[in-house]
Amino acid sequence: MAKVKNETGEALDIPEMGRFVLPDQVIEVDDAISHRFTQSANWSPADKAAEAAHKAGEKALGRVATDTTGKGE
């Protein structure tokens, strides 16, 4: 399971999960779908599994995730 964080500042309804997610709340989602969440500005990866899925998804789509660390990763 990967963890993603609601970055919207408001509660979000996630119908496919049957729940509301509060502002700044971190939820667990299946690794296989975590990339769908992190493609939106509404969500950010909140653990290494979600970050890895995000990077893999970006690579698969032919995009390079923005490196803000200065480490070239």
Protein backbone atom coordinates (compact mmCIF):
# COMPACT_ATOMS: atom_id res chain seq x y z
CA MET A 1 0.00 0.00 0.00
CA ALA A 2 1.14 3.52 -0.80
CA LYS A 3 0.29 6.66 1.14
CA VAL A 4 -0.94 9.84 -0.53
CA LYS A 5 -1.81 13.19 1.02
CA ASN A 6 -4.79 15.42 0.24
CA GLU A 7 -3.23 18.79 -0.67
CA THR A 8 -6.43 20.69 -1.56
CA GLY A 9 -7.12 22.37 1.76
CA GLU A 10 -10.66 20.97 1.70
CA ALA A 11 -12.43 17.65 2.11
CA LEU A 12 -12.60 15.46 -1.00
CA ASP A 13 -15.22 12.87 -1.88
CA ILE A 14 -13.58 9.73 -3.29
CA PRO A 15 -16.55 7.72 -4.65
CA GLU A 16 -14.48 4.69 -5.72
CA MET A 17 -13.26 4.38 -2.13
CA GLY A 18 -16.65 5.22 -0.61
CA ARG A 19 -15.23 7.90 1.67
CA PHE A 20 -14.40 11.54 2.28
CA VAL A 21 -10.80 12.57 2.85
CA LEU A 22 -10.14 15.55 5.10
CA PRO A 23 -7.70 18.37 4.25
CA ASP A 24 -4.06 17.30 4.77
CA GLN A 25 -5.18 13.76 5.55
CA VAL A 26 -2.92 10.91 4.45
CA ILE A 27 -4.66 7.79 3.15
CA GLU A 28 -3.45 4.41 1.95
CA VAL A 29 -4.19 3.34 -1.61
CA ASP A 30 -3.14 0.26 -3.54
CA ASP A 31 0.31 0.66 -5.12
CA ALA A 32 -1.21 -0.14 -8.51
CA ILE A 33 -3.45 2.95 -8.45
CA SER A 34 -1.38 5.42 -6.43
CA HIS A 35 0.00 6.98 -9.63
CA ARG A 36 -3.55 8.02 -10.57
CA PHE A 37 -3.72 10.07 -7.39
CA THR A 38 -0.30 11.73 -7.66
CA GLN A 39 -0.94 12.88 -11.24
CA SER A 40 -3.33 15.44 -9.79
CA ALA A 41 -2.23 18.57 -7.94
CA ASN A 42 -4.78 17.52 -5.30
CA TRP A 43 -2.54 14.71 -4.03
CA SER A 44 1.12 14.22 -3.22
CA PRO A 45 3.12 11.07 -2.49
CA ALA A 46 3.42 10.63 1.29
CA ASP A 47 5.79 7.65 1.43
CA LYS A 48 8.48 5.91 -0.59
CA ALA A 49 6.03 3.48 -2.23
CA ALA A 50 3.88 6.33 -3.55
CA GLU A 51 6.95 8.30 -4.69
CA ALA A 52 8.29 5.25 -6.55
CA ALA A 53 4.92 4.64 -8.22
CA HIS A 54 4.72 8.31 -9.20
CA LYS A 55 8.19 8.24 -10.79
CA ALA A 56 7.47 4.95 -12.57
CA GLY A 57 4.20 6.35 -13.91
CA GLU A 58 5.90 9.51 -15.16
CA LYS A 59 8.54 7.41 -16.89
CA ALA A 60 5.89 5.18 -18.49
CA LEU A 61 4.12 8.27 -19.80
CA GLY A 62 7.38 9.60 -21.22
CA ARG A 63 7.60 12.46 -18.76
CA VAL A 64 10.31 13.22 -16.28
CA ALA A 65 9.20 14.05 -12.76
CA THR A 66 10.52 17.39 -11.59
CA ASP A 67 13.56 17.00 -9.38
CA THR A 68 13.49 19.62 -6.65
CA THR A 69 16.15 17.96 -4.50
CA GLY A 70 19.14 19.00 -6.60
CA LYS A 71 20.38 15.40 -6.45
CA GLY A 72 19.41 14.50 -10.00
CA GLU A 73 17.14 11.63 -9.00
